Amino acid sequence: MSNGETAESPNYSSKNRKIRKLQKKLARQPKKSKRRNITRVKIAKLHNQITDTRKDFLHKLSTKIVSENQTIVLEDLNVSGMVKNRRLSRVISLQGWREFRNLCEAKSEKLSRDFRTVNRW
């Protein structure tokens, strides 16, 4: 933020590791087996936990930012280009920057705050 404050996002690495491990296990299990179905459900639950954690964090952060400030200015980033970086793509994808922008836009409109986006160039 402009005042030097940063927001620490939740760490998804442990759940990601579990998902990768379970997906490897799923690939080796025979199709239409009961165990495979159980593994598939476990993977779905982990994905839902990550999604819920991300949404909760983004809602709390956007609410805090919009309620504390009269004018919110976000930089328009080239996310599709940033995701092409092999080392950062997973981390960037998990953050949900577009969802954060949409939440800030909606909440600033609801609370009659000034919301602007700055061109990346």
PDB file of N, CA and C in Angstrom:
ATOM      1  N   MET A   1       0.837  -1.173   0.000  1.00  0.00           N
ATOM      2  CA  MET A   1       0.000   0.000   0.000  1.00  0.00           C
ATOM      3  C   MET A   1       0.881   1.235   0.000  1.00  0.00           C
ATOM      4  N   SER A   2       0.290   2.373  -0.239  1.00  0.00           N
ATOM      5  CA  SER A   2       1.065   3.603  -0.363  1.00  0.00           C
ATOM      6  C   SER A   2       1.729   4.010   0.956  1.00  0.00           C
ATOM      7  N   ASN A   3       1.183   3.584   2.089  1.00  0.00           N
ATOM      8  CA  ASN A   3       1.781   3.941   3.374  1.00  0.00           C
ATOM      9  C   ASN A   3       2.831   2.932   3.828  1.00  0.00           C
ATOM     10  N   GLY A   4       3.176   1.963   2.970  1.00  0.00           N
ATOM     11  CA  GLY A   4       4.202   0.978   3.297  1.00  0.00           C
ATOM     12  C   GLY A   4       3.670  -0.286   3.964  1.00  0.00           C
ATOM     13  N   GLU A   5       2.399  -0.306   4.237  1.00  0.00           N
ATOM     14  CA  GLU A   5       1.779  -1.474   4.876  1.00  0.00           C
ATOM     15  C   GLU A   5       1.621  -2.600   3.857  1.00  0.00           C
ATOM     16  N   THR A   6       1.878  -3.824   4.295  1.00  0.00           N
ATOM     17  CA  THR A   6       1.707  -4.983   3.412  1.00  0.00           C
ATOM     18  C   THR A   6       0.707  -5.951   4.024  1.00  0.00           C
ATOM     19  N   ALA A   7       0.122  -6.770   3.199  1.00  0.00           N
ATOM     20  CA  ALA A   7      -0.848  -7.766   3.658  1.00  0.00           C
ATOM     21  C   ALA A   7      -0.256  -9.153   3.422  1.00  0.00           C
ATOM     22  N   GLU A   8      -0.191  -9.948   4.467  1.00  0.00           N
ATOM     23  CA  GLU A   8       0.320 -11.313   4.353  1.00  0.00           C
ATOM     24  C   GLU A   8      -0.825 -12.245   3.973  1.00  0.00           C
ATOM     25  N   SER A   9      -0.703 -12.865   2.827  1.00  0.00           N
ATOM     26  CA  SER A   9      -1.737 -13.800   2.408  1.00  0.00           C
ATOM     27  C   SER A   9      -1.491 -15.160   3.053  1.00  0.00           C
ATOM     28  N   PRO A  10      -2.524 -15.971   3.188  1.00  0.00           N
ATOM     29  CA  PRO A  10      -2.369 -17.295   3.791  1.00  0.00           C
ATOM     30  C   PRO A  10      -1.440 -18.182   2.977  1.00  0.00           C
ATOM     31  N   ASN A  11      -0.834 -19.129   3.661  1.00  0.00           N
ATOM     32  CA  ASN A  11       0.089 -20.048   3.006  1.00  0.00           C
ATOM     33  C   ASN A  11      -0.676 -21.296   2.565  1.00  0.00           C
ATOM     34  N   TYR A  12      -0.677 -21.538   1.264  1.00  0.00           N
ATOM     35  CA  TYR A  12      -1.407 -22.682   0.724  1.00  0.00           C
ATOM     36  C   TYR A  12      -0.494 -23.863   0.417  1.00  0.00           C
ATOM     37  N   SER A  13       0.789 -23.760   0.733  1.00  0.00           N
ATOM     38  CA  SER A  13       1.754 -24.765   0.269  1.00  0.00           C
ATOM     39  C   SER A  13       1.492 -26.156   0.840  1.00  0.00           C
ATOM     40  N   SER A  14       1.094 -26.247   2.108  1.00  0.00           N
ATOM     41  CA  SER A  14       0.878 -27.574   2.694  1.00  0.00           C
ATOM     42  C   SER A  14      -0.312 -28.275   2.030  1.00  0.00           C
ATOM     43  N   LYS A  15      -1.368 -27.527   1.783  1.00  0.00           N
ATOM     44  CA  LYS A  15      -2.532 -28.116   1.114  1.00  0.00           C
ATOM     45  C   LYS A  15      -2.213 -28.467  -0.341  1.00  0.00           C
ATOM     46  N   ASN A  16      -1.396 -27.627  -0.991  1.00  0.00           N
ATOM     47  CA  ASN A  16      -0.989 -27.918  -2.363  1.00  0.00           C
ATOM     48  C   ASN A  16      -0.188 -29.205  -2.437  1.00  0.00           C
ATOM     49  N   ARG A  17       0.694 -29.405  -1.460  1.00  0.00           N
ATOM     50  CA  ARG A  17       1.491 -30.622  -1.407  1.00  0.00           C
ATOM     51  C   ARG A  17       0.592 -31.852  -1.260  1.00  0.00           C
ATOM     52  N   LYS A  18      -0.404 -31.730  -0.382  1.00  0.00           N
ATOM     53  CA  LYS A  18      -1.342 -32.843  -0.179  1.00  0.00           C
ATOM     54  C   LYS A  18      -2.124 -33.136  -1.459  1.00  0.00           C
ATOM     55  N   ILE A  19      -2.545 -32.073  -2.145  1.00  0.00           N
ATOM     56  CA  ILE A  19      -3.301 -32.259  -3.388  1.00  0.00           C
ATOM     57  C   ILE A  19      -2.451 -32.974  -4.425  1.00  0.00           C
ATOM     58  N   ARG A  20      -1.204 -32.535  -4.581  1.00  0.00           N
ATOM     59  CA  ARG A  20      -0.327 -33.175  -5.567  1.00  0.00           C
ATOM     60  C   ARG A  20      -0.091 -34.643  -5.244  1.00  0.00           C
ATOM     61  N   LYS A  21       0.089 -34.927  -3.957  1.00  0.00           N
ATOM     62  CA  LYS A  21       0.308 -36.308  -3.517  1.00  0.00           C
ATOM     63  C   LYS A  21      -0.928 -37.169  -3.802  1.00  0.00           C
ATOM     64  N   LEU A  22      -2.104 -36.622  -3.494  1.00  0.00           N
ATOM     65  CA  LEU A  22      -3.339 -37.366  -3.728  1.00  0.00           C
ATOM     66  C   LEU A  22      -3.633 -37.533  -5.216  1.00  0.00           C
ATOM     67  N   GLN A  23      -3.301 -36.538  -6.022  1.00  0.00           N
ATOM     68  CA  GLN A  23      -3.529 -36.659  -7.464  1.00  0.00           C
ATOM     69  C   GLN A  23      -2.627 -37.721  -8.083  1.00  0.00           C
ATOM     70  N   LYS A  24      -1.415 -37.831  -7.559  1.00  0.00           N
ATOM     71  CA  LYS A  24      -0.512 -38.880  -8.020  1.00  0.00           C
ATOM     72  C   LYS A  24      -1.085 -40.251  -7.655  1.00  0.00           C
ATOM     73  N   LYS A  25      -1.618 -40.326  -6.424  1.00  0.00           N
ATOM     74  CA  LYS A  25      -2.247 -41.568  -5.957  1.00  0.00           C
ATOM     75  C   LYS A  25      -3.469 -41.900  -6.810  1.00  0.00           C
ATOM     76  N   LEU A  26      -4.264 -40.885  -7.140  1.00  0.00           N
ATOM     77  CA  LEU A  26      -5.472 -41.062  -7.943  1.00  0.00           C
ATOM     78  C   LEU A  26      -5.144 -41.600  -9.331  1.00  0.00           C
ATOM     79  N   ALA A  27      -4.064 -41.101  -9.913  1.00  0.00           N
ATOM     80  CA  ALA A  27      -3.687 -41.519 -11.260  1.00  0.00           C
ATOM     81  C   ALA A  27      -3.314 -43.000 -11.320  1.00  0.00           C
ATOM     82  N   ARG A  28      -2.849 -43.532 -10.210  1.00  0.00           N
ATOM     83  CA  ARG A  28      -2.414 -44.926 -10.177  1.00  0.00           C
ATOM     84  C   ARG A  28      -3.526 -45.903  -9.805  1.00  0.00           C
ATOM     85  N   GLN A  29      -4.649 -45.376  -9.349  1.00  0.00           N
ATOM     86  CA  GLN A  29      -5.737 -46.257  -8.927  1.00  0.00           C
ATOM     87  C   GLN A  29      -6.591 -46.665 -10.117  1.00  0.00           C
ATOM     88  N   PRO A  30      -7.121 -47.885 -10.061  1.00  0.00           N
ATOM     89  CA  PRO A  30      -7.962 -48.350 -11.179  1.00  0.00           C
ATOM     90  C   PRO A  30      -9.257 -47.552 -11.278  1.00  0.00           C
ATOM     91  N   LYS A  31      -9.695 -47.333 -12.494  1.00  0.00           N
ATOM     92  CA  LYS A  31     -10.916 -46.573 -12.744  1.00  0.00           C
ATOM     93  C   LYS A  31     -12.133 -47.304 -12.157  1.00  0.00           C
ATOM     94  N   LYS A  32     -13.108 -46.515 -11.743  1.00  0.00           N
ATOM     95  CA  LYS A  32     -14.377 -47.002 -11.194  1.00  0.00           C
ATOM     96  C   LYS A  32     -14.203 -47.834  -9.924  1.00  0.00           C
ATOM     97  N   SER A  33     -13.126 -47.603  -9.173  1.00  0.00           N
ATOM     98  CA  SER A  33     -12.955 -48.309  -7.899  1.00  0.00           C
ATOM     99  C   SER A  33     -13.451 -47.424  -6.766  1.00  0.00           C
ATOM    100  N   LYS A  34     -13.784 -48.059  -5.669  1.00  0.00           N
ATOM    101  CA  LYS A  34     -14.303 -47.328  -4.524  1.00  0.00           C
ATOM    102  C   LYS A  34     -13.217 -46.437  -3.902  1.00  0.00           C
ATOM    103  N   ARG A  35     -12.006 -46.949  -3.834  1.00  0.00           N
ATOM    104  CA  ARG A  35     -10.877 -46.182  -3.282  1.00  0.00           C
ATOM    105  C   ARG A  35     -10.582 -44.941  -4.121  1.00  0.00           C
ATOM    106  N   ARG A  36     -10.690 -45.079  -5.420  1.00  0.00           N
ATOM    107  CA  ARG A  36     -10.441 -43.944  -6.320  1.00  0.00           C
ATOM    108  C   ARG A  36     -11.468 -42.842  -6.060  1.00  0.00           C
ATOM    109  N   ASN A  37     -12.699 -43.236  -5.845  1.00  0.00           N
ATOM    110  CA  ASN A  37     -13.757 -42.263  -5.575  1.00  0.00           C
ATOM    111  C   ASN A  37     -13.492 -41.535  -4.249  1.00  0.00           C
ATOM    112  N   ILE A  38     -13.011 -42.272  -3.260  1.00  0.00           N
ATOM    113  CA  ILE A  38     -12.693 -41.673  -1.963  1.00  0.00           C
ATOM    114  C   ILE A  38     -11.558 -40.656  -2.121  1.00  0.00           C
ATOM    115  N   THR A  39     -10.533 -41.025  -2.889  1.00  0.00           N
ATOM    116  CA  THR A  39      -9.410 -40.124  -3.131  1.00  0.00           C
ATOM    117  C   THR A  39      -9.863 -38.882  -3.886  1.00  0.00           C
ATOM    118  N   ARG A  40     -10.738 -39.067  -4.858  1.00  0.00           N
ATOM    119  CA  ARG A  40     -11.265 -37.948  -5.636  1.00  0.00           C
ATOM    120  C   ARG A  40     -12.010 -36.958  -4.745  1.00  0.00           C
ATOM    121  N   VAL A  41     -12.783 -37.479  -3.798  1.00  0.00           N
ATOM    122  CA  VAL A  41     -13.525 -36.630  -2.869  1.00  0.00           C
ATOM    123  C   VAL A  41     -12.563 -35.873  -1.951  1.00  0.00           C
ATOM    124  N   LYS A  42     -11.486 -36.533  -1.511  1.00  0.00           N
ATOM    125  CA  LYS A  42     -10.493 -35.869  -0.663  1.00  0.00           C
ATOM    126  C   LYS A  42      -9.838 -34.697  -1.397  1.00  0.00           C
ATOM    127  N   ILE A  43      -9.528 -34.906  -2.670  1.00  0.00           N
ATOM    128  CA  ILE A  43      -8.931 -33.841  -3.482  1.00  0.00           C
ATOM    129  C   ILE A  43      -9.899 -32.666  -3.615  1.00  0.00           C
ATOM    130  N   ALA A  44     -11.162 -32.970  -3.850  1.00  0.00           N
ATOM    131  CA  ALA A  44     -12.177 -31.917  -3.993  1.00  0.00           C
ATOM    132  C   ALA A  44     -12.314 -31.118  -2.698  1.00  0.00           C
ATOM    133  N   LYS A  45     -12.259 -31.800  -1.555  1.00  0.00           N
ATOM    134  CA  LYS A  45     -12.364 -31.113  -0.266  1.00  0.00           C
ATOM    135  C   LYS A  45     -11.183 -30.185  -0.033  1.00  0.00           C
ATOM    136  N   LEU A  46      -9.982 -30.629  -0.409  1.00  0.00           N
ATOM    137  CA  LEU A  46      -8.807 -29.773  -0.253  1.00  0.00           C
ATOM    138  C   LEU A  46      -8.893 -28.547  -1.156  1.00  0.00           C
ATOM    139  N   HIS A  47      -9.363 -28.726  -2.381  1.00  0.00           N
ATOM    140  CA  HIS A  47      -9.551 -27.587  -3.278  1.00  0.00           C
ATOM    141  C   HIS A  47     -10.562 -26.599  -2.697  1.00  0.00           C
ATOM    142  N   ASN A  48     -11.634 -27.115  -2.107  1.00  0.00           N
ATOM    143  CA  ASN A  48     -12.640 -26.244  -1.489  1.00  0.00           C
ATOM    144  C   ASN A  48     -12.078 -25.493  -0.288  1.00  0.00           C
ATOM    145  N   GLN A  49     -11.223 -26.158   0.502  1.00  0.00           N
ATOM    146  CA  GLN A  49     -10.619 -25.486   1.647  1.00  0.00           C
ATOM    147  C   GLN A  49      -9.731 -24.334   1.204  1.00  0.00           C
ATOM    148  N   ILE A  50      -8.954 -24.554   0.145  1.00  0.00           N
ATOM    149  CA  ILE A  50      -8.099 -23.488  -0.377  1.00  0.00           C
ATOM    150  C   ILE A  50      -8.949 -22.335  -0.894  1.00  0.00           C
ATOM    151  N   THR A  51     -10.008 -22.656  -1.616  1.00  0.00           N
ATOM    152  CA  THR A  51     -10.898 -21.623  -2.157  1.00  0.00           C
ATOM    153  C   THR A  51     -11.548 -20.814  -1.042  1.00  0.00           C
ATOM    154  N   ASP A  52     -12.042 -21.493  -0.011  1.00  0.00           N
ATOM    155  CA  ASP A  52     -12.686 -20.802   1.105  1.00  0.00           C
ATOM    156  C   ASP A  52     -11.708 -19.907   1.858  1.00  0.00           C
ATOM    157  N   THR A  53     -10.477 -20.398   2.059  1.00  0.00           N
ATOM    158  CA  THR A  53      -9.460 -19.605   2.740  1.00  0.00           C
ATOM    159  C   THR A  53      -9.140 -18.358   1.951  1.00  0.00           C
ATOM    160  N   ARG A  54      -8.976 -18.504   0.634  1.00  0.00           N
ATOM    161  CA  ARG A  54      -8.662 -17.370  -0.224  1.00  0.00           C
ATOM    162  C   ARG A  54      -9.789 -16.348  -0.212  1.00  0.00           C
ATOM    163  N   LYS A  55     -11.025 -16.817  -0.369  1.00  0.00           N
ATOM    164  CA  LYS A  55     -12.174 -15.899  -0.392  1.00  0.00           C
ATOM    165  C   LYS A  55     -12.306 -15.143   0.926  1.00  0.00           C
ATOM    166  N   ASP A  56     -12.099 -15.849   2.039  1.00  0.00           N
ATOM    167  CA  ASP A  56     -12.193 -15.221   3.353  1.00  0.00           C
ATOM    168  C   ASP A  56     -11.142 -14.128   3.498  1.00  0.00           C
ATOM    169  N   PHE A  57      -9.905 -14.437   3.103  1.00  0.00           N
ATOM    170  CA  PHE A  57      -8.822 -13.455   3.188  1.00  0.00           C
ATOM    171  C   PHE A  57      -9.113 -12.244   2.314  1.00  0.00           C
ATOM    172  N   LEU A  58      -9.552 -12.484   1.077  1.00  0.00           N
ATOM    173  CA  LEU A  58      -9.808 -11.376   0.153  1.00  0.00           C
ATOM    174  C   LEU A  58     -10.964 -10.498   0.633  1.00  0.00           C
ATOM    175  N   HIS A  59     -12.008 -11.117   1.178  1.00  0.00           N
ATOM    176  CA  HIS A  59     -13.135 -10.342   1.690  1.00  0.00           C
ATOM    177  C   HIS A  59     -12.692  -9.462   2.863  1.00  0.00           C
ATOM    178  N   LYS A  60     -11.932 -10.047   3.781  1.00  0.00           N
ATOM    179  CA  LYS A  60     -11.488  -9.279   4.942  1.00  0.00           C
ATOM    180  C   LYS A  60     -10.567  -8.130   4.533  1.00  0.00           C
ATOM    181  N   LEU A  61      -9.638  -8.406   3.628  1.00  0.00           N
ATOM    182  CA  LEU A  61      -8.697  -7.380   3.194  1.00  0.00           C
ATOM    183  C   LEU A  61      -9.403  -6.257   2.429  1.00  0.00           C
ATOM    184  N   SER A  62     -10.295  -6.622   1.503  1.00  0.00           N
ATOM    185  CA  SER A  62     -10.994  -5.599   0.725  1.00  0.00           C
ATOM    186  C   SER A  62     -11.897  -4.751   1.616  1.00  0.00           C
ATOM    187  N   THR A  63     -12.556  -5.368   2.568  1.00  0.00           N
ATOM    188  CA  THR A  63     -13.412  -4.616   3.490  1.00  0.00           C
ATOM    189  C   THR A  63     -12.582  -3.635   4.310  1.00  0.00           C
ATOM    190  N   LYS A  64     -11.431  -4.094   4.792  1.00  0.00           N
ATOM    191  CA  LYS A  64     -10.552  -3.231   5.590  1.00  0.00           C
ATOM    192  C   LYS A  64     -10.062  -2.042   4.758  1.00  0.00           C
ATOM    193  N   ILE A  65      -9.616  -2.301   3.547  1.00  0.00           N
ATOM    194  CA  ILE A  65      -9.074  -1.235   2.695  1.00  0.00           C
ATOM    195  C   ILE A  65     -10.149  -0.220   2.330  1.00  0.00           C
ATOM    196  N   VAL A  66     -11.310  -0.712   1.930  1.00  0.00           N
ATOM    197  CA  VAL A  66     -12.377   0.195   1.488  1.00  0.00           C
ATOM    198  C   VAL A  66     -12.936   1.003   2.652  1.00  0.00           C
ATOM    199  N   SER A  67     -13.065   0.398   3.815  1.00  0.00           N
ATOM    200  CA  SER A  67     -13.635   1.125   4.955  1.00  0.00           C
ATOM    201  C   SER A  67     -12.668   2.165   5.518  1.00  0.00           C
ATOM    202  N   GLU A  68     -11.344   1.941   5.389  1.00  0.00           N
ATOM    203  CA  GLU A  68     -10.370   2.871   5.958  1.00  0.00           C
ATOM    204  C   GLU A  68      -9.996   4.020   5.010  1.00  0.00           C
ATOM    205  N   ASN A  69     -10.251   3.878   3.713  1.00  0.00           N
ATOM    206  CA  ASN A  69      -9.791   4.873   2.739  1.00  0.00           C
ATOM    207  C   ASN A  69     -10.958   5.450   1.941  1.00  0.00           C
ATOM    208  N   GLN A  70     -10.807   6.725   1.546  1.00  0.00           N
ATOM    209  CA  GLN A  70     -11.814   7.375   0.724  1.00  0.00           C
ATOM    210  C   GLN A  70     -11.598   7.103  -0.758  1.00  0.00           C
ATOM    211  N   THR A  71     -10.323   6.996  -1.162  1.00  0.00           N
ATOM    212  CA  THR A  71      -9.976   6.739  -2.560  1.00  0.00           C
ATOM    213  C   THR A  71      -9.107   5.503  -2.634  1.00  0.00           C
ATOM    214  N   ILE A  72      -9.475   4.575  -3.486  1.00  0.00           N
ATOM    215  CA  ILE A  72      -8.727   3.334  -3.681  1.00  0.00           C
ATOM    216  C   ILE A  72      -8.224   3.328  -5.119  1.00  0.00           C
ATOM    217  N   VAL A  73      -6.911   3.181  -5.286  1.00  0.00           N
ATOM    218  CA  VAL A  73      -6.304   3.161  -6.607  1.00  0.00           C
ATOM    219  C   VAL A  73      -5.525   1.857  -6.744  1.00  0.00           C
ATOM    220  N   LEU A  74      -5.887   1.050  -7.749  1.00  0.00           N
ATOM    221  CA  LEU A  74      -5.197  -0.211  -8.004  1.00  0.00           C
ATOM    222  C   LEU A  74      -4.492  -0.147  -9.348  1.00  0.00           C
ATOM    223  N   GLU A  75      -3.340  -0.810  -9.411  1.00  0.00           N
ATOM    224  CA  GLU A  75      -2.600  -0.875 -10.667  1.00  0.00           C
ATOM    225  C   GLU A  75      -3.134  -2.018 -11.501  1.00  0.00           C
ATOM    226  N   ASP A  76      -3.331  -1.758 -12.782  1.00  0.00           N
ATOM    227  CA  ASP A  76      -3.780  -2.787 -13.711  1.00  0.00           C
ATOM    228  C   ASP A  76      -2.567  -3.617 -14.121  1.00  0.00           C
ATOM    229  N   LEU A  77      -2.519  -4.867 -13.674  1.00  0.00           N
ATOM    230  CA  LEU A  77      -1.353  -5.720 -13.916  1.00  0.00           C
ATOM    231  C   LEU A  77      -1.571  -6.660 -15.094  1.00  0.00           C
ATOM    232  N   ASN A  78      -0.482  -7.066 -15.718  1.00  0.00           N
ATOM    233  CA  ASN A  78      -0.513  -8.029 -16.817  1.00  0.00           C
ATOM    234  C   ASN A  78      -0.407  -9.435 -16.217  1.00  0.00           C
ATOM    235  N   VAL A  79      -1.497  -9.898 -15.622  1.00  0.00           N
ATOM    236  CA  VAL A  79      -1.488 -11.180 -14.915  1.00  0.00           C
ATOM    237  C   VAL A  79      -1.262 -12.332 -15.879  1.00  0.00           C
ATOM    238  N   SER A  80      -1.850 -12.269 -17.065  1.00  0.00           N
ATOM    239  CA  SER A  80      -1.677 -13.364 -18.023  1.00  0.00           C
ATOM    240  C   SER A  80      -0.214 -13.504 -18.429  1.00  0.00           C
ATOM    241  N   GLY A  81       0.504 -12.401 -18.507  1.00  0.00           N
ATOM    242  CA  GLY A  81       1.927 -12.451 -18.810  1.00  0.00           C
ATOM    243  C   GLY A  81       2.743 -12.933 -17.624  1.00  0.00           C
ATOM    244  N   MET A  82       2.324 -12.551 -16.415  1.00  0.00           N
ATOM    245  CA  MET A  82       3.048 -12.951 -15.210  1.00  0.00           C
ATOM    246  C   MET A  82       2.901 -14.442 -14.936  1.00  0.00           C
ATOM    247  N   VAL A  83       1.775 -15.015 -15.325  1.00  0.00           N
ATOM    248  CA  VAL A  83       1.522 -16.439 -15.085  1.00  0.00           C
ATOM    249  C   VAL A  83       2.415 -17.313 -15.969  1.00  0.00           C
ATOM    250  N   LYS A  84       2.941 -16.741 -17.041  1.00  0.00           N
ATOM    251  CA  LYS A  84       3.824 -17.509 -17.927  1.00  0.00           C
ATOM    252  C   LYS A  84       5.188 -17.765 -17.304  1.00  0.00           C
ATOM    253  N   ASN A  85       5.502 -17.074 -16.218  1.00  0.00           N
ATOM    254  CA  ASN A  85       6.747 -17.316 -15.500  1.00  0.00           C
ATOM    255  C   ASN A  85       6.611 -18.639 -14.748  1.00  0.00           C
ATOM    256  N   ARG A  86       7.475 -19.599 -15.067  1.00  0.00           N
ATOM    257  CA  ARG A  86       7.341 -20.944 -14.507  1.00  0.00           C
ATOM    258  C   ARG A  86       7.486 -20.985 -12.991  1.00  0.00           C
ATOM    259  N   ARG A  87       8.308 -20.128 -12.444  1.00  0.00           N
ATOM    260  CA  ARG A  87       8.569 -20.169 -11.006  1.00  0.00           C
ATOM    261  C   ARG A  87       7.465 -19.498 -10.177  1.00  0.00           C
ATOM    262  N   LEU A  88       6.810 -18.515 -10.738  1.00  0.00           N
ATOM    263  CA  LEU A  88       5.826 -17.747  -9.980  1.00  0.00           C
ATOM    264  C   LEU A  88       4.379 -18.046 -10.331  1.00  0.00           C
ATOM    265  N   SER A  89       4.146 -18.826 -11.363  1.00  0.00           N
ATOM    266  CA  SER A  89       2.787 -18.974 -11.876  1.00  0.00           C
ATOM    267  C   SER A  89       1.817 -19.543 -10.841  1.00  0.00           C
ATOM    268  N   ARG A  90       2.221 -20.544 -10.085  1.00  0.00           N
ATOM    269  CA  ARG A  90       1.317 -21.152  -9.103  1.00  0.00           C
ATOM    270  C   ARG A  90       0.976 -20.161  -8.001  1.00  0.00           C
ATOM    271  N   VAL A  91       1.965 -19.438  -7.521  1.00  0.00           N
ATOM    272  CA  VAL A  91       1.750 -18.474  -6.450  1.00  0.00           C
ATOM    273  C   VAL A  91       0.841 -17.334  -6.913  1.00  0.00           C
ATOM    274  N   ILE A  92       1.088 -16.850  -8.116  1.00  0.00           N
ATOM    275  CA  ILE A  92       0.264 -15.761  -8.654  1.00  0.00           C
ATOM    276  C   ILE A  92      -1.172 -16.217  -8.852  1.00  0.00           C
ATOM    277  N   SER A  93      -1.348 -17.420  -9.354  1.00  0.00           N
ATOM    278  CA  SER A  93      -2.696 -17.937  -9.601  1.00  0.00           C
ATOM    279  C   SER A  93      -3.483 -18.118  -8.312  1.00  0.00           C
ATOM    280  N   LEU A  94      -2.806 -18.511  -7.250  1.00  0.00           N
ATOM    281  CA  LEU A  94      -3.499 -18.761  -5.986  1.00  0.00           C
ATOM    282  C   LEU A  94      -3.937 -17.483  -5.272  1.00  0.00           C
ATOM    283  N   GLN A  95      -3.364 -16.342  -5.624  1.00  0.00           N
ATOM    284  CA  GLN A  95      -3.670 -15.116  -4.890  1.00  0.00           C
ATOM    285  C   GLN A  95      -5.047 -14.548  -5.219  1.00  0.00           C
ATOM    286  N   GLY A  96      -5.543 -14.735  -6.419  1.00  0.00           N
ATOM    287  CA  GLY A  96      -6.873 -14.234  -6.769  1.00  0.00           C
ATOM    288  C   GLY A  96      -6.929 -12.728  -6.898  1.00  0.00           C
ATOM    289  N   TRP A  97      -5.999 -12.147  -7.666  1.00  0.00           N
ATOM    290  CA  TRP A  97      -5.933 -10.702  -7.807  1.00  0.00           C
ATOM    291  C   TRP A  97      -7.159 -10.128  -8.490  1.00  0.00           C
ATOM    292  N   ARG A  98      -7.675 -10.817  -9.481  1.00  0.00           N
ATOM    293  CA  ARG A  98      -8.859 -10.311 -10.190  1.00  0.00           C
ATOM    294  C   ARG A  98     -10.063 -10.278  -9.254  1.00  0.00           C
ATOM    295  N   GLU A  99     -10.199 -11.316  -8.455  1.00  0.00           N
ATOM    296  CA  GLU A  99     -11.301 -11.373  -7.500  1.00  0.00           C
ATOM    297  C   GLU A  99     -11.177 -10.243  -6.474  1.00  0.00           C
ATOM    298  N   PHE A 100      -9.952  -9.949  -6.054  1.00  0.00           N
ATOM    299  CA  PHE A 100      -9.715  -8.858  -5.110  1.00  0.00           C
ATOM    300  C   PHE A 100     -10.137  -7.521  -5.715  1.00  0.00           C
ATOM    301  N   ARG A 101      -9.791  -7.311  -6.978  1.00  0.00           N
ATOM    302  CA  ARG A 101     -10.162  -6.072  -7.659  1.00  0.00           C
ATOM    303  C   ARG A 101     -11.678  -5.939  -7.747  1.00  0.00           C
ATOM    304  N   ASN A 102     -12.368  -7.024  -8.117  1.00  0.00           N
ATOM    305  CA  ASN A 102     -13.826  -6.997  -8.208  1.00  0.00           C
ATOM    306  C   ASN A 102     -14.467  -6.707  -6.859  1.00  0.00           C
ATOM    307  N   LEU A 103     -13.932  -7.309  -5.795  1.00  0.00           N
ATOM    308  CA  LEU A 103     -14.473  -7.068  -4.453  1.00  0.00           C
ATOM    309  C   LEU A 103     -14.277  -5.618  -4.033  1.00  0.00           C
ATOM    310  N   CYS A 104     -13.089  -5.085  -4.292  1.00  0.00           N
ATOM    311  CA  CYS A 104     -12.823  -3.685  -3.933  1.00  0.00           C
ATOM    312  C   CYS A 104     -13.738  -2.733  -4.707  1.00  0.00           C
ATOM    313  N   GLU A 105     -13.922  -3.041  -5.988  1.00  0.00           N
ATOM    314  CA  GLU A 105     -14.794  -2.209  -6.822  1.00  0.00           C
ATOM    315  C   GLU A 105     -16.227  -2.211  -6.286  1.00  0.00           C
ATOM    316  N   ALA A 106     -16.744  -3.386  -5.992  1.00  0.00           N
ATOM    317  CA  ALA A 106     -18.125  -3.505  -5.522  1.00  0.00           C
ATOM    318  C   ALA A 106     -18.307  -2.855  -4.154  1.00  0.00           C
ATOM    319  N   LYS A 107     -17.373  -3.076  -3.254  1.00  0.00           N
ATOM    320  CA  LYS A 107     -17.505  -2.528  -1.903  1.00  0.00           C
ATOM    321  C   LYS A 107     -17.318  -1.010  -1.890  1.00  0.00           C
ATOM    322  N   SER A 108     -16.439  -0.510  -2.747  1.00  0.00           N
ATOM    323  CA  SER A 108     -16.272   0.943  -2.798  1.00  0.00           C
ATOM    324  C   SER A 108     -17.511   1.617  -3.384  1.00  0.00           C
ATOM    325  N   GLU A 109     -18.149   0.955  -4.329  1.00  0.00           N
ATOM    326  CA  GLU A 109     -19.397   1.494  -4.886  1.00  0.00           C
ATOM    327  C   GLU A 109     -20.504   1.466  -3.830  1.00  0.00           C
ATOM    328  N   LYS A 110     -20.540   0.393  -3.067  1.00  0.00           N
ATOM    329  CA  LYS A 110     -21.559   0.249  -2.026  1.00  0.00           C
ATOM    330  C   LYS A 110     -21.385   1.295  -0.919  1.00  0.00           C
ATOM    331  N   LEU A 111     -20.133   1.569  -0.550  1.00  0.00           N
ATOM    332  CA  LEU A 111     -19.859   2.534   0.508  1.00  0.00           C
ATOM    333  C   LEU A 111     -19.575   3.936  -0.033  1.00  0.00           C
ATOM    334  N   SER A 112     -19.855   4.146  -1.314  1.00  0.00           N
ATOM    335  CA  SER A 112     -19.662   5.419  -2.035  1.00  0.00           C
ATOM    336  C   SER A 112     -18.247   5.975  -1.862  1.00  0.00           C
ATOM    337  N   ARG A 113     -17.269   5.128  -2.144  1.00  0.00           N
ATOM    338  CA  ARG A 113     -15.858   5.525  -2.149  1.00  0.00           C
ATOM    339  C   ARG A 113     -15.410   5.689  -3.601  1.00  0.00           C
ATOM    340  N   ASP A 114     -14.318   6.379  -3.793  1.00  0.00           N
ATOM    341  CA  ASP A 114     -13.777   6.611  -5.131  1.00  0.00           C
ATOM    342  C   ASP A 114     -12.821   5.467  -5.470  1.00  0.00           C
ATOM    343  N   PHE A 115     -13.116   4.708  -6.538  1.00  0.00           N
ATOM    344  CA  PHE A 115     -12.273   3.579  -6.950  1.00  0.00           C
ATOM    345  C   PHE A 115     -11.723   3.860  -8.337  1.00  0.00           C
ATOM    346  N   ARG A 116     -10.394   3.720  -8.500  1.00  0.00           N
ATOM    347  CA  ARG A 116      -9.755   3.955  -9.793  1.00  0.00           C
ATOM    348  C   ARG A 116      -8.716   2.873 -10.055  1.00  0.00           C
ATOM    349  N   THR A 117      -8.488   2.635 -11.337  1.00  0.00           N
ATOM    350  CA  THR A 117      -7.399   1.748 -11.736  1.00  0.00           C
ATOM    351  C   THR A 117      -6.408   2.548 -12.569  1.00  0.00           C
ATOM    352  N   VAL A 118      -5.125   2.265 -12.347  1.00  0.00           N
ATOM    353  CA  VAL A 118      -4.059   2.963 -13.053  1.00  0.00           C
ATOM    354  C   VAL A 118      -3.522   2.030 -14.127  1.00  0.00           C
ATOM    355  N   ASN A 119      -3.322   2.570 -15.323  1.00  0.00           N
ATOM    356  CA  ASN A 119      -2.771   1.809 -16.424  1.00  0.00           C
ATOM    357  C   ASN A 119      -1.365   1.330 -16.065  1.00  0.00           C
ATOM    358  N   ARG A 120      -1.015   0.104 -16.475  1.00  0.00           N
ATOM    359  CA  ARG A 120       0.295  -0.452 -16.137  1.00  0.00           C
ATOM    360  C   ARG A 120       1.443   0.254 -16.850  1.00  0.00           C
ATOM    361  N   TRP A 121       1.157   0.964 -17.930  1.00  0.00           N
ATOM    362  CA  TRP A 121       2.213   1.661 -18.664  1.00  0.00           C
ATOM    363  C   TRP A 121       2.341   3.059 -18.151  1.00  0.00           C
TER     364      TRP A 121
END
